[in-house]
């Protein structure tokens, strides 16, 4: 079997074109993009079960603190807010399991889908986007793009080793149509617009 395998892989290597090849041009399909991407993002996020936090002009982090309705460990991946659990280079992915709330900043948002993009730079530990019960996400409104075609033009896709889109809290439904949030991931996802 390994002889056939080696022959196939050898033929592929021999015929593989070396060097850089240009990517095909892909249209952005953004002719219908509204002027107010923030409003479309909010509508799309809420449709997916997410929530927008109301900003506080006197205390920018007040909405974050008000979102903590249940006691539990808080991890923060942003300098604007201090959690009670620190992520260090020694933090293992499983160490995030007991976290009740995670405060993150998204790299950018996608208005059409209400999605948020996170890379290892925002998450620090990849499981920070999935294991906490609740995510509170800071999003710069200037970093909202219209659709996924525009999102894939962003530099994060070339610079990051890990990137993921998240749209609202985790949800699943059984055959009778009973919807359960948080079955396979975060139970709630809240966004605070903050430059």
Protein backbone atom coordinates (compact mmCIF):
# COMPACT_ATOMS: atom_id res chain seq x y z
CA UNK A 1 0.00 0.00 0.00
CA UNK A 2 2.80 2.46 0.82
CA UNK A 3 4.30 1.93 -2.66
CA UNK A 4 1.07 3.15 -4.29
CA UNK A 5 0.84 5.99 -1.83
CA UNK A 6 4.43 7.04 -2.50
CA UNK A 7 3.85 6.86 -6.28
CA UNK A 8 0.76 9.08 -6.05
CA UNK A 9 2.43 11.62 -3.77
CA UNK A 10 5.55 11.60 -5.94
CA UNK A 11 3.47 12.36 -9.05
CA UNK A 12 1.73 15.22 -7.25
CA UNK A 13 5.03 16.71 -6.09
CA UNK A 14 6.56 16.35 -9.56
CA UNK A 15 3.66 18.16 -11.26
CA UNK A 16 3.08 20.79 -8.57
CA UNK A 17 3.70 24.28 -9.91
CA UNK A 18 6.18 26.09 -7.70
CA UNK A 19 6.02 29.76 -6.82
CA UNK A 20 3.35 32.28 -5.99
CA UNK A 21 0.17 32.30 -8.01
CA UNK A 22 -2.31 35.17 -7.94
CA UNK A 23 -5.64 34.51 -6.31
CA UNK A 24 -8.70 34.78 -8.50
CA UNK A 25 -10.56 38.07 -8.25
CA UNK A 26 -13.72 37.59 -6.21
CA UNK A 27 -16.45 40.23 -6.36
CA UNK A 28 -17.41 41.78 -3.03
CA UNK A 29 -21.19 41.73 -3.67
CA UNK A 30 -21.53 44.90 -1.64
CA UNK A 31 -23.58 47.05 -4.02
CA UNK A 32 -26.54 46.83 -1.60
CA UNK A 33 -24.50 47.77 1.48
CA UNK A 34 -26.37 50.26 3.65
CA UNK A 35 -24.71 53.45 4.82
CA UNK A 36 -25.26 52.46 8.47
CA UNK A 37 -23.38 49.18 8.97
CA UNK A 38 -23.70 49.48 12.75
CA UNK A 39 -27.52 49.36 12.59
CA UNK A 40 -27.45 46.34 10.25
CA UNK A 41 -24.94 44.59 12.52
CA UNK A 42 -27.19 45.18 15.54
CA UNK A 43 -30.27 43.85 13.72
CA UNK A 44 -28.38 40.78 12.50
CA UNK A 45 -26.81 40.06 15.91
CA UNK A 46 -30.18 40.31 17.67
CA UNK A 47 -31.73 37.99 15.06
CA UNK A 48 -29.04 35.44 16.03
CA UNK A 49 -29.87 35.75 19.73
CA UNK A 50 -27.16 38.25 20.66
CA UNK A 51 -27.67 41.43 22.65
CA UNK A 52 -26.37 44.99 22.31
CA UNK A 53 -25.34 46.69 25.56
CA UNK A 54 -26.32 50.34 26.04
CA UNK A 55 -23.22 52.56 26.36
CA UNK A 56 -22.66 54.76 29.41
CA UNK A 57 -21.07 58.13 28.58
CA UNK A 58 -19.66 58.64 32.08
CA UNK A 59 -18.37 55.10 32.71
CA UNK A 60 -17.54 53.15 29.52
CA UNK A 61 -17.23 49.80 31.37
CA UNK A 62 -20.46 50.16 33.39
CA UNK A 63 -22.49 48.13 30.83
CA UNK A 64 -19.93 45.33 31.11
CA UNK A 65 -20.26 45.19 34.91
CA UNK A 66 -24.06 45.39 34.66
CA UNK A 67 -24.05 42.35 32.37
CA UNK A 68 -22.72 40.20 35.22
CA UNK A 69 -26.00 38.87 36.59
CA UNK A 70 -24.62 35.67 38.09
CA UNK A 71 -21.54 35.28 40.29
CA UNK A 72 -18.59 33.40 38.88
CA UNK A 73 -15.07 33.78 37.56
CA UNK A 74 -14.49 36.56 35.03
CA UNK A 75 -11.62 36.49 32.55
CA UNK A 76 -10.73 39.63 30.63
CA UNK A 77 -8.71 39.71 27.42
CA UNK A 78 -8.90 43.50 27.14
CA UNK A 79 -6.90 46.18 28.96
CA UNK A 80 -10.02 48.28 29.57
CA UNK A 81 -11.48 45.81 32.08
CA UNK A 82 -9.83 43.72 34.77
CA UNK A 83 -11.20 40.26 35.45
CA UNK A 84 -10.51 38.12 38.49
CA UNK A 85 -8.80 35.39 36.44
CA UNK A 86 -5.58 36.13 34.55
CA UNK A 87 -4.53 34.45 31.33
CA UNK A 88 -0.80 33.78 31.30
CA UNK A 89 1.45 31.91 28.86
CA UNK A 90 0.98 28.88 31.15
CA UNK A 91 -2.84 28.94 30.90
CA UNK A 92 -4.10 25.71 29.37
CA UNK A 93 -7.25 25.61 27.20
CA UNK A 94 -9.05 23.58 29.89
CA UNK A 95 -8.32 26.25 32.52
CA UNK A 96 -11.06 28.39 30.92
CA UNK A 97 -13.78 25.80 31.70
CA UNK A 98 -14.94 27.29 35.05
CA UNK A 99 -15.21 30.84 33.64
CA UNK A 100 -18.67 32.39 33.88
CA UNK A 101 -17.93 35.58 31.89
CA UNK A 102 -15.26 36.44 29.33
CA UNK A 103 -14.67 40.01 28.19
CA UNK A 104 -13.11 40.19 24.71
CA UNK A 105 -12.56 42.63 21.88
CA UNK A 106 -13.49 41.43 18.41
CA UNK A 107 -11.04 41.99 15.56
CA UNK A 108 -14.04 43.09 13.48
CA UNK A 109 -17.73 42.47 12.91
CA UNK A 110 -19.77 41.46 9.86
CA UNK A 111 -22.97 43.49 9.48
CA UNK A 112 -24.85 41.12 7.17
CA UNK A 113 -24.54 38.13 9.52
CA UNK A 114 -24.03 39.74 12.94
CA UNK A 115 -20.79 37.78 13.20
CA UNK A 116 -17.69 38.65 15.21
CA UNK A 117 -14.18 37.64 14.23
CA UNK A 118 -11.68 36.56 16.88
CA UNK A 119 -8.07 35.53 16.36
CA UNK A 120 -5.54 34.20 18.85
CA UNK A 121 -4.63 37.85 19.46
CA UNK A 122 -8.08 38.61 20.91
CA UNK A 123 -8.70 35.25 22.60
CA UNK A 124 -5.21 34.66 24.12
CA UNK A 125 -6.35 31.04 24.57
CA UNK A 126 -8.58 29.70 21.79
CA UNK A 127 -11.13 28.18 24.18
CA UNK A 128 -11.89 31.64 25.60
CA UNK A 129 -14.43 32.04 22.80
CA UNK A 130 -16.31 28.82 23.64
CA UNK A 131 -15.95 27.61 27.22
CA UNK A 132 -17.17 30.61 29.24
CA UNK A 133 -20.91 30.67 29.86
CA UNK A 134 -21.26 34.29 28.69
CA UNK A 135 -19.24 36.45 26.27
CA UNK A 136 -19.16 40.22 26.50
CA UNK A 137 -17.54 41.63 23.39
CA UNK A 138 -16.19 45.11 22.74
CA UNK A 139 -16.50 46.09 19.07
CA UNK A 140 -15.22 49.22 17.38
CA UNK A 141 -18.05 50.32 15.03
CA UNK A 142 -15.41 51.46 12.52
CA UNK A 143 -14.32 47.80 12.27
CA UNK A 144 -17.64 46.54 10.88
CA UNK A 145 -17.61 45.30 7.29
CA UNK A 146 -20.69 44.67 5.19
CA UNK A 147 -20.47 40.96 4.33
CA UNK A 148 -18.25 37.88 4.44
CA UNK A 149 -16.74 38.73 1.06
CA UNK A 150 -15.39 41.95 2.60
CA UNK A 151 -14.41 40.09 5.77
CA UNK A 152 -12.14 37.73 3.87
CA UNK A 153 -10.26 40.73 2.46
CA UNK A 154 -9.18 41.68 5.99
CA UNK A 155 -5.51 41.18 6.98
CA UNK A 156 -6.42 38.90 9.90
CA UNK A 157 -6.79 35.98 7.48
CA UNK A 158 -3.16 36.30 6.40
CA UNK A 159 -1.64 37.33 9.74
CA UNK A 160 -3.36 35.06 12.25
CA UNK A 161 -2.71 31.38 12.93
CA UNK A 162 -6.25 30.95 14.21
CA UNK A 163 -9.42 32.86 13.37
CA UNK A 164 -13.07 32.14 14.03
CA UNK A 165 -16.44 33.79 13.41
CA UNK A 166 -19.10 33.71 16.10
CA UNK A 167 -22.69 34.80 15.62
CA UNK A 168 -24.76 35.00 18.77
CA UNK A 169 -24.92 32.40 21.53
CA UNK A 170 -24.79 28.68 20.90
CA UNK A 171 -28.19 27.17 20.14
CA UNK A 172 -29.68 23.83 19.22
CA UNK A 173 -33.21 22.53 18.78
CA UNK A 174 -34.66 19.04 18.97
CA UNK A 175 -37.17 17.52 16.59
CA UNK A 176 -40.06 19.08 18.53
CA UNK A 177 -38.55 22.52 17.97
CA UNK A 178 -37.47 23.17 21.55
CA UNK A 179 -34.65 25.72 21.31
CA UNK A 180 -31.88 25.51 23.88
CA UNK A 181 -29.21 28.20 24.17
CA UNK A 182 -25.75 27.29 25.42
CA UNK A 183 -25.99 23.59 24.63
CA UNK A 184 -22.61 23.45 22.91
CA UNK A 185 -21.05 26.79 23.69
CA UNK A 186 -21.74 30.18 25.24
CA UNK A 187 -25.23 30.79 26.63
CA UNK A 188 -25.21 34.51 25.88
CA UNK A 189 -23.27 36.92 23.73
CA UNK A 190 -23.47 40.66 24.36
CA UNK A 191 -21.75 43.40 22.35
CA UNK A 192 -20.74 46.86 23.53
CA UNK A 193 -19.86 49.29 20.75
CA UNK A 194 -16.64 50.91 21.85
CA UNK A 195 -13.89 52.39 19.68
